[in-house]
C-alpha atoms as a PDB file:
ATOM      1  CA  UNK A   1     -21.284   3.928 -17.574  1.00  0.00           C
ATOM      2  CA  UNK A   2     -18.342   2.111 -15.959  1.00  0.00           C
ATOM      3  CA  UNK A   3     -15.068   0.760 -17.699  1.00  0.00           C
ATOM      4  CA  UNK A   4     -13.278  -2.372 -16.336  1.00  0.00           C
ATOM      5  CA  UNK A   5      -9.544  -2.224 -15.931  1.00  0.00           C
ATOM      6  CA  UNK A   6      -7.172  -4.961 -14.879  1.00  0.00           C
ATOM      7  CA  UNK A   7      -4.834  -3.771 -12.253  1.00  0.00           C
ATOM      8  CA  UNK A   8      -1.704  -5.398 -10.880  1.00  0.00           C
ATOM      9  CA  UNK A   9      -2.336  -4.793  -7.250  1.00  0.00           C
ATOM     10  CA  UNK A  10       0.569  -3.048  -5.372  1.00  0.00           C
ATOM     11  CA  UNK A  11      -0.976  -1.602  -2.544  1.00  0.00           C
ATOM     12  CA  UNK A  12      -3.540  -2.931   0.033  1.00  0.00           C
ATOM     13  CA  UNK A  13      -3.250  -0.736   3.159  1.00  0.00           C
ATOM     14  CA  UNK A  14      -5.031   0.316   6.117  1.00  0.00           C
ATOM     15  CA  UNK A  15      -6.872   3.810   6.162  1.00  0.00           C
ATOM     16  CA  UNK A  16      -8.978   5.619   8.756  1.00  0.00           C
ATOM     17  CA  UNK A  17     -12.229   3.649   7.940  1.00  0.00           C
ATOM     18  CA  UNK A  18     -11.057   0.644   5.668  1.00  0.00           C
ATOM     19  CA  UNK A  19      -8.679   0.051   3.106  1.00  0.00           C
ATOM     20  CA  UNK A  20      -6.936   1.589   0.165  1.00  0.00           C
ATOM     21  CA  UNK A  21      -5.858  -0.197  -2.947  1.00  0.00           C
ATOM     22  CA  UNK A  22      -3.839   0.884  -6.009  1.00  0.00           C
ATOM     23  CA  UNK A  23      -2.207  -0.829  -9.082  1.00  0.00           C
ATOM     24  CA  UNK A  24      -0.844  -0.450 -12.351  1.00  0.00           C
ATOM     25  CA  UNK A  25      -2.878  -1.035 -15.344  1.00  0.00           C
ATOM     26  CA  UNK A  26      -1.919  -2.648 -18.909  1.00  0.00           C
ATOM     27  CA  UNK A  27      -0.847   0.863 -20.160  1.00  0.00           C
ATOM     28  CA  UNK A  28       1.734   1.169 -17.020  1.00  0.00           C
ATOM     29  CA  UNK A  29      -0.394   3.603 -15.412  1.00  0.00           C
ATOM     30  CA  UNK A  30      -1.148   3.958 -11.700  1.00  0.00           C
ATOM     31  CA  UNK A  31      -4.708   3.735 -10.642  1.00  0.00           C
ATOM     32  CA  UNK A  32      -6.237   4.185  -7.243  1.00  0.00           C
ATOM     33  CA  UNK A  33     -10.068   3.152  -6.865  1.00  0.00           C
ATOM     34  CA  UNK A  34     -11.756   5.406  -4.416  1.00  0.00           C
ATOM     35  CA  UNK A  35     -15.206   6.135  -2.787  1.00  0.00           C
ATOM     36  CA  UNK A  36     -16.923   9.273  -2.584  1.00  0.00           C
ATOM     37  CA  UNK A  37     -15.246  11.361   0.292  1.00  0.00           C
ATOM     38  CA  UNK A  38     -16.506  12.202   3.925  1.00  0.00           C
ATOM     39  CA  UNK A  39     -15.552  15.235   6.061  1.00  0.00           C
ATOM     40  CA  UNK A  40     -13.881  14.419   9.288  1.00  0.00           C
ATOM     41  CA  UNK A  41     -15.063  16.542  12.235  1.00  0.00           C
ATOM     42  CA  UNK A  42     -12.472  17.870  14.747  1.00  0.00           C
ATOM     43  CA  UNK A  43      -9.167  18.221  12.693  1.00  0.00           C
ATOM     44  CA  UNK A  44      -7.569  21.573  12.293  1.00  0.00           C
ATOM     45  CA  UNK A  45      -7.025  20.330   8.763  1.00  0.00           C
ATOM     46  CA  UNK A  46      -9.558  18.786   6.187  1.00  0.00           C
ATOM     47  CA  UNK A  47      -9.097  14.874   6.194  1.00  0.00           C
ATOM     48  CA  UNK A  48     -10.783  13.103   3.496  1.00  0.00           C
ATOM     49  CA  UNK A  49     -11.199   9.217   3.617  1.00  0.00           C
ATOM     50  CA  UNK A  50     -11.761   7.711   0.293  1.00  0.00           C
ATOM     51  CA  UNK A  51     -11.018   4.259   1.591  1.00  0.00           C
ATOM     52  CA  UNK A  52     -12.928   0.956   0.380  1.00  0.00           C
ATOM     53  CA  UNK A  53     -15.061  -0.983   2.513  1.00  0.00           C
ATOM     54  CA  UNK A  54     -14.714  -4.806   2.774  1.00  0.00           C
ATOM     55  CA  UNK A  55     -17.894  -5.235   1.275  1.00  0.00           C
ATOM     56  CA  UNK A  56     -16.626  -3.606  -1.745  1.00  0.00           C
ATOM     57  CA  UNK A  57     -14.158  -6.211  -2.368  1.00  0.00           C
ATOM     58  CA  UNK A  58     -14.546  -9.116  -0.158  1.00  0.00           C
ATOM     59  CA  UNK A  59     -17.034 -11.722  -1.650  1.00  0.00           C
ATOM     60  CA  UNK A  60     -17.077 -15.330  -2.154  1.00  0.00           C
ATOM     61  CA  UNK A  61     -15.142 -16.048   0.864  1.00  0.00           C
ATOM     62  CA  UNK A  62     -12.045 -14.313  -0.261  1.00  0.00           C
ATOM     63  CA  UNK A  63     -10.434 -10.895  -1.023  1.00  0.00           C
ATOM     64  CA  UNK A  64     -10.519  -9.886  -4.479  1.00  0.00           C
ATOM     65  CA  UNK A  65      -7.838  -7.317  -3.805  1.00  0.00           C
ATOM     66  CA  UNK A  66      -4.369  -9.120  -3.319  1.00  0.00           C
ATOM     67  CA  UNK A  67      -0.850  -7.699  -3.473  1.00  0.00           C
ATOM     68  CA  UNK A  68       0.703  -9.414  -6.795  1.00  0.00           C
ATOM     69  CA  UNK A  69      -2.519 -10.272  -8.037  1.00  0.00           C
ATOM     70  CA  UNK A  70      -4.349  -9.048 -11.180  1.00  0.00           C
ATOM     71  CA  UNK A  71      -7.873  -7.603 -10.453  1.00  0.00           C
ATOM     72  CA  UNK A  72     -10.629  -6.572 -12.623  1.00  0.00           C
ATOM     73  CA  UNK A  73     -11.979  -3.330 -11.301  1.00  0.00           C
ATOM     74  CA  UNK A  74     -15.084  -1.207 -12.679  1.00  0.00           C
ATOM     75  CA  UNK A  75     -14.578   2.414 -12.349  1.00  0.00           C
ATOM     76  CA  UNK A  76     -16.886   5.089 -13.459  1.00  0.00           C
ATOM     77  CA  UNK A  77     -14.635   8.335 -14.160  1.00  0.00           C
ATOM     78  CA  UNK A  78     -11.127   9.516 -13.222  1.00  0.00           C
ATOM     79  CA  UNK A  79     -11.093  12.143 -10.515  1.00  0.00           C
ATOM     80  CA  UNK A  80      -7.597  13.617 -10.388  1.00  0.00           C
ATOM     81  CA  UNK A  81      -6.594  16.074  -7.822  1.00  0.00           C
ATOM     82  CA  UNK A  82      -2.723  16.908  -7.757  1.00  0.00           C
ATOM     83  CA  UNK A  83      -0.688  15.087  -6.409  1.00  0.00           C
ATOM     84  CA  UNK A  84      -3.468  12.405  -6.523  1.00  0.00           C
ATOM     85  CA  UNK A  85      -3.676  12.180 -10.154  1.00  0.00           C
ATOM     86  CA  UNK A  86      -4.294   8.292  -9.854  1.00  0.00           C
ATOM     87  CA  UNK A  87      -7.788   8.504  -8.477  1.00  0.00           C
ATOM     88  CA  UNK A  88     -10.678   6.749 -10.287  1.00  0.00           C
ATOM     89  CA  UNK A  89     -14.208   6.534  -8.711  1.00  0.00           C
ATOM     90  CA  UNK A  90     -15.108   2.940  -7.973  1.00  0.00           C
ATOM     91  CA  UNK A  91     -18.368   1.626  -9.587  1.00  0.00           C
ATOM     92  CA  UNK A  92     -20.257   0.298  -6.067  1.00  0.00           C
ATOM     93  CA  UNK A  93     -22.502  -1.688  -8.268  1.00  0.00           C
ATOM     94  CA  UNK A  94     -19.853  -4.061  -9.549  1.00  0.00           C
ATOM     95  CA  UNK A  95     -17.454  -5.651  -7.266  1.00  0.00           C
ATOM     96  CA  UNK A  96     -13.666  -6.191  -7.987  1.00  0.00           C
ATOM     97  CA  UNK A  97     -12.712  -9.562  -9.200  1.00  0.00           C
ATOM     98  CA  UNK A  98      -9.443 -11.288  -8.876  1.00  0.00           C
ATOM     99  CA  UNK A  99      -8.308 -12.965 -12.134  1.00  0.00           C
ATOM    100  CA  UNK A 100      -5.110 -14.401 -10.917  1.00  0.00           C
ATOM    101  CA  UNK A 101      -1.981 -14.175  -9.085  1.00  0.00           C
ATOM    102  CA  UNK A 102       1.479 -13.260 -10.949  1.00  0.00           C
ATOM    103  CA  UNK A 103       4.122 -15.977 -10.738  1.00  0.00           C
ATOM    104  CA  UNK A 104       7.284 -15.241  -8.875  1.00  0.00           C
ATOM    105  CA  UNK A 105       8.951 -14.647 -12.353  1.00  0.00           C
ATOM    106  CA  UNK A 106       6.251 -12.414 -13.572  1.00  0.00           C
ATOM    107  CA  UNK A 107       6.340 -10.496 -10.367  1.00  0.00           C
ATOM    108  CA  UNK A 108      10.206 -10.086 -10.785  1.00  0.00           C
ATOM    109  CA  UNK A 109       9.800  -8.891 -14.320  1.00  0.00           C
ATOM    110  CA  UNK A 110       6.963  -6.602 -13.485  1.00  0.00           C
ATOM    111  CA  UNK A 111       8.532  -4.995 -10.501  1.00  0.00           C
ATOM    112  CA  UNK A 112      11.835  -4.294 -12.474  1.00  0.00           C
ATOM    113  CA  UNK A 113       9.976  -2.939 -15.510  1.00  0.00           C
ATOM    114  CA  UNK A 114       7.900  -0.460 -13.291  1.00  0.00           C
ATOM    115  CA  UNK A 115      10.330   0.597 -10.713  1.00  0.00           C
ATOM    116  CA  UNK A 116      11.227   4.291 -10.466  1.00  0.00           C
ATOM    117  CA  UNK A 117      14.813   5.261 -10.005  1.00  0.00           C
ATOM    118  CA  UNK A 118      14.340   7.872  -7.355  1.00  0.00           C
ATOM    119  CA  UNK A 119      11.682   9.799  -5.518  1.00  0.00           C
ATOM    120  CA  UNK A 120      11.721  13.028  -7.334  1.00  0.00           C
ATOM    121  CA  UNK A 121       8.329  12.312  -8.820  1.00  0.00           C
ATOM    122  CA  UNK A 122       6.799  12.117  -5.194  1.00  0.00           C
ATOM    123  CA  UNK A 123       9.286  14.471  -3.140  1.00  0.00           C
ATOM    124  CA  UNK A 124       9.839  17.234  -3.597  1.00  0.00           C
ATOM    125  CA  UNK A 125       7.896  17.285  -7.117  1.00  0.00           C
ATOM    126  CA  UNK A 126       4.687  15.780  -6.099  1.00  0.00           C
ATOM    127  CA  UNK A 127       4.028  15.222  -9.877  1.00  0.00           C
ATOM    128  CA  UNK A 128       1.984  12.208  -8.765  1.00  0.00           C
ATOM    129  CA  UNK A 129       1.355  10.303  -5.540  1.00  0.00           C
ATOM    130  CA  UNK A 130       2.445   6.697  -6.058  1.00  0.00           C
ATOM    131  CA  UNK A 131       5.489   4.861  -7.360  1.00  0.00           C
ATOM    132  CA  UNK A 132       7.652   1.627  -6.950  1.00  0.00           C
ATOM    133  CA  UNK A 133      11.101   1.536  -5.704  1.00  0.00           C
ATOM    134  CA  UNK A 134      14.047  -0.798  -4.925  1.00  0.00           C
ATOM    135  CA  UNK A 135      15.697   0.478  -1.902  1.00  0.00           C
ATOM    136  CA  UNK A 136      19.376   0.320  -1.316  1.00  0.00           C
ATOM    137  CA  UNK A 137      18.516  -0.297   2.417  1.00  0.00           C
ATOM    138  CA  UNK A 138      15.725  -0.379   4.550  1.00  0.00           C
ATOM    139  CA  UNK A 139      14.428  -1.318   8.020  1.00  0.00           C
ATOM    140  CA  UNK A 140      11.069  -1.796   9.623  1.00  0.00           C
ATOM    141  CA  UNK A 141      10.138  -1.068  13.372  1.00  0.00           C
ATOM    142  CA  UNK A 142       6.986  -2.657  15.043  1.00  0.00           C
ATOM    143  CA  UNK A 143       5.382  -1.408  18.310  1.00  0.00           C
ATOM    144  CA  UNK A 144       2.253  -1.342  20.195  1.00  0.00           C
ATOM    145  CA  UNK A 145       0.183   1.857  20.856  1.00  0.00           C
ATOM    146  CA  UNK A 146      -0.198   3.008  24.402  1.00  0.00           C
ATOM    147  CA  UNK A 147      -3.396   1.111  24.962  1.00  0.00           C
ATOM    148  CA  UNK A 148      -1.750  -2.164  23.302  1.00  0.00           C
ATOM    149  CA  UNK A 149      -4.681  -2.459  21.035  1.00  0.00           C
ATOM    150  CA  UNK A 150      -3.192  -1.590  17.650  1.00  0.00           C
ATOM    151  CA  UNK A 151       0.338  -1.675  16.275  1.00  0.00           C
ATOM    152  CA  UNK A 152       2.324   0.852  14.590  1.00  0.00           C
ATOM    153  CA  UNK A 153       4.757   0.355  11.598  1.00  0.00           C
ATOM    154  CA  UNK A 154       7.462   2.550  10.783  1.00  0.00           C
ATOM    155  CA  UNK A 155      10.179   2.484   7.953  1.00  0.00           C
ATOM    156  CA  UNK A 156      13.478   3.892   7.288  1.00  0.00           C
ATOM    157  CA  UNK A 157      15.148   3.331   3.767  1.00  0.00           C
ATOM    158  CA  UNK A 158      17.507   4.880   1.210  1.00  0.00           C
ATOM    159  CA  UNK A 159      16.489   5.316  -2.440  1.00  0.00           C
ATOM    160  CA  UNK A 160      18.547   6.827  -4.983  1.00  0.00           C
ATOM    161  CA  UNK A 161      21.161   8.025  -2.461  1.00  0.00           C
ATOM    162  CA  UNK A 162      18.489   9.977  -0.227  1.00  0.00           C
ATOM    163  CA  UNK A 163      17.495   8.480   3.169  1.00  0.00           C
ATOM    164  CA  UNK A 164      14.143   8.784   4.788  1.00  0.00           C
ATOM    165  CA  UNK A 165      13.283   7.752   8.473  1.00  0.00           C
ATOM    166  CA  UNK A 166      10.294   7.281  10.595  1.00  0.00           C
ATOM    167  CA  UNK A 167       8.090   6.944   7.585  1.00  0.00           C
ATOM    168  CA  UNK A 168       4.513   5.251   8.327  1.00  0.00           C
ATOM    169  CA  UNK A 169       3.837   1.794   6.723  1.00  0.00           C
ATOM    170  CA  UNK A 170       0.224   0.817   6.236  1.00  0.00           C
ATOM    171  CA  UNK A 171       0.796  -2.189   4.082  1.00  0.00           C
ATOM    172  CA  UNK A 172      -1.739  -5.085   5.361  1.00  0.00           C
ATOM    173  CA  UNK A 173       1.111  -7.894   5.160  1.00  0.00           C
ATOM    174  CA  UNK A 174       3.537  -5.810   7.184  1.00  0.00           C
ATOM    175  CA  UNK A 175       0.934  -4.992   9.915  1.00  0.00           C
ATOM    176  CA  UNK A 176       0.102  -8.677  10.090  1.00  0.00           C
ATOM    177  CA  UNK A 177       3.843  -9.868  10.431  1.00  0.00           C
ATOM    178  CA  UNK A 178       4.145  -6.818  12.942  1.00  0.00           C
ATOM    179  CA  UNK A 179       1.152  -8.574  15.148  1.00  0.00           C
ATOM    180  CA  UNK A 180       2.689 -11.841  14.836  1.00  0.00           C
ATOM    181  CA  UNK A 181       6.219 -10.585  15.931  1.00  0.00           C
ATOM    182  CA  UNK A 182       4.762  -8.657  18.801  1.00  0.00           C
ATOM    183  CA  UNK A 183       2.775 -11.447  20.093  1.00  0.00           C
ATOM    184  CA  UNK A 184       5.948 -13.451  20.124  1.00  0.00           C
ATOM    185  CA  UNK A 185       7.852 -10.869  21.975  1.00  0.00           C
ATOM    186  CA  UNK A 186       5.127 -10.006  24.734  1.00  0.00           C
ATOM    187  CA  UNK A 187       4.708  -6.571  23.308  1.00  0.00           C
ATOM    188  CA  UNK A 188       8.442  -5.725  23.260  1.00  0.00           C
ATOM    189  CA  UNK A 189       9.136  -3.530  20.051  1.00  0.00           C
ATOM    190  CA  UNK A 190      10.825  -5.491  17.059  1.00  0.00           C
ATOM    191  CA  UNK A 191      12.874  -4.275  14.094  1.00  0.00           C
ATOM    192  CA  UNK A 192      13.585  -6.154  10.988  1.00  0.00           C
ATOM    193  CA  UNK A 193      16.269  -5.094   8.580  1.00  0.00           C
ATOM    194  CA  UNK A 194      17.331  -5.955   5.075  1.00  0.00           C
ATOM    195  CA  UNK A 195      19.590  -8.563   6.427  1.00  0.00           C
ATOM    196  CA  UNK A 196      16.870 -10.359   8.248  1.00  0.00           C
ATOM    197  CA  UNK A 197      14.764 -10.534   5.104  1.00  0.00           C
ATOM    198  CA  UNK A 198      17.651 -11.729   3.148  1.00  0.00           C
ATOM    199  CA  UNK A 199      18.367 -14.484   5.944  1.00  0.00           C
ATOM    200  CA  UNK A 200      14.769 -15.586   5.128  1.00  0.00           C
ATOM    201  CA  UNK A 201      15.692 -15.989   1.405  1.00  0.00           C
ATOM    202  CA  UNK A 202      14.066 -12.661   0.281  1.00  0.00           C
ATOM    203  CA  UNK A 203      16.443 -11.654  -2.673  1.00  0.00           C
ATOM    204  CA  UNK A 204      14.766  -8.372  -3.517  1.00  0.00           C
ATOM    205  CA  UNK A 205      12.287  -6.093  -1.429  1.00  0.00           C
ATOM    206  CA  UNK A 206      10.728  -3.349  -3.543  1.00  0.00           C
ATOM    207  CA  UNK A 207       8.483  -0.521  -1.740  1.00  0.00           C
ATOM    208  CA  UNK A 208       5.436   0.865  -3.085  1.00  0.00           C
ATOM    209  CA  UNK A 209       5.290   4.562  -1.973  1.00  0.00           C
ATOM    210  CA  UNK A 210       2.532   7.135  -1.801  1.00  0.00           C
ATOM    211  CA  UNK A 211       1.623  10.381  -0.664  1.00  0.00           C
ATOM    212  CA  UNK A 212      -1.211  10.962   1.980  1.00  0.00           C
ATOM    213  CA  UNK A 213      -4.106  13.142   1.613  1.00  0.00           C
ATOM    214  CA  UNK A 214      -3.134  16.769   2.782  1.00  0.00           C
ATOM    215  CA  UNK A 215      -2.998  16.824   6.620  1.00  0.00           C
ATOM    216  CA  UNK A 216      -1.630  19.522   8.602  1.00  0.00           C
ATOM    217  CA  UNK A 217      -0.832  21.321   5.491  1.00  0.00           C
ATOM    218  CA  UNK A 218       1.116  18.771   3.662  1.00  0.00           C
ATOM    219  CA  UNK A 219       1.070  15.404   1.941  1.00  0.00           C
ATOM    220  CA  UNK A 220       3.071  12.853   3.996  1.00  0.00           C
ATOM    221  CA  UNK A 221       5.261  10.124   2.492  1.00  0.00           C
ATOM    222  CA  UNK A 222       3.810   6.564   3.629  1.00  0.00           C
ATOM    223  CA  UNK A 223       4.942   3.087   2.551  1.00  0.00           C
ATOM    224  CA  UNK A 224       1.769   1.358   0.973  1.00  0.00           C
ATOM    225  CA  UNK A 225       3.161  -1.801  -0.346  1.00  0.00           C
ATOM    226  CA  UNK A 226       6.074  -4.089   0.540  1.00  0.00           C
ATOM    227  CA  UNK A 227       6.884  -6.698  -2.178  1.00  0.00           C
ATOM    228  CA  UNK A 228       9.617  -9.238  -1.748  1.00  0.00           C
ATOM    229  CA  UNK A 229      11.114 -11.960  -4.080  1.00  0.00           C
ATOM    230  CA  UNK A 230      10.007 -14.778  -3.147  1.00  0.00           C
ATOM    231  CA  UNK A 231       6.726 -13.257  -1.673  1.00  0.00           C
ATOM    232  CA  UNK A 232       6.104 -12.543   1.832  1.00  0.00           C
ATOM    233  CA  UNK A 233       3.630 -15.323   2.975  1.00  0.00           C
ATOM    234  CA  UNK A 234       1.657 -13.619   5.856  1.00  0.00           C
ATOM    235  CA  UNK A 235      -2.164 -14.300   6.161  1.00  0.00           C
ATOM    236  CA  UNK A 236      -4.253 -11.279   6.744  1.00  0.00           C
ATOM    237  CA  UNK A 237      -7.145 -11.165   9.084  1.00  0.00           C
ATOM    238  CA  UNK A 238      -9.834  -8.635   7.505  1.00  0.00           C
ATOM    239  CA  UNK A 239     -11.540  -8.469  10.894  1.00  0.00           C
ATOM    240  CA  UNK A 240      -8.159  -7.223  12.474  1.00  0.00           C
ATOM    241  CA  UNK A 241      -6.475  -4.934  10.345  1.00  0.00           C
END
């Protein structure tokens, strides 16, 4: 028997074979809907891909997982394995449903209320694997891979007096923004910093950060959501994540 949870979605990201999502429920608890795992062959470490497929959340001509949106998601049971204590098994028989988008004022209030003061819960303590943070400074770098068929997004930021660099960013909106920038620059790498966001009217930028599944012996810090006020307006092509 499944339970329905209404989540404010704070992460819609690219994974190995699909999309990972996560949000905060009405109790203020992070929840990450996952599918059953699959063993990947040929790696020196075990990689499990818990990602969702477009068929899980794309119906009626739209995605029902939208950053800053409230989605009702049906889940069967919690499946916590530290540090990924937020995992819940998705009920594949019932598709998520987007209920509404938070207004800009609602997003500002929600982000401020659920923002963590520092990264200690993730690094080094690994008490959980998701958190929302307001960086003191940040930059994003965009570049094509060697074949020119995909892009990479890396982040650098300072939070609570600690600086981090060369952190992978899997946020779908930032990837879509990177594609647009690299098309305009004919593939020349681009960088956007905090000042660039502010010049475009973004008063605040929050980062949803997560810990990856174990890979090569550790859980890697990643940027899974980028939330600006006002909101970034970047269309996502789900056929080209």
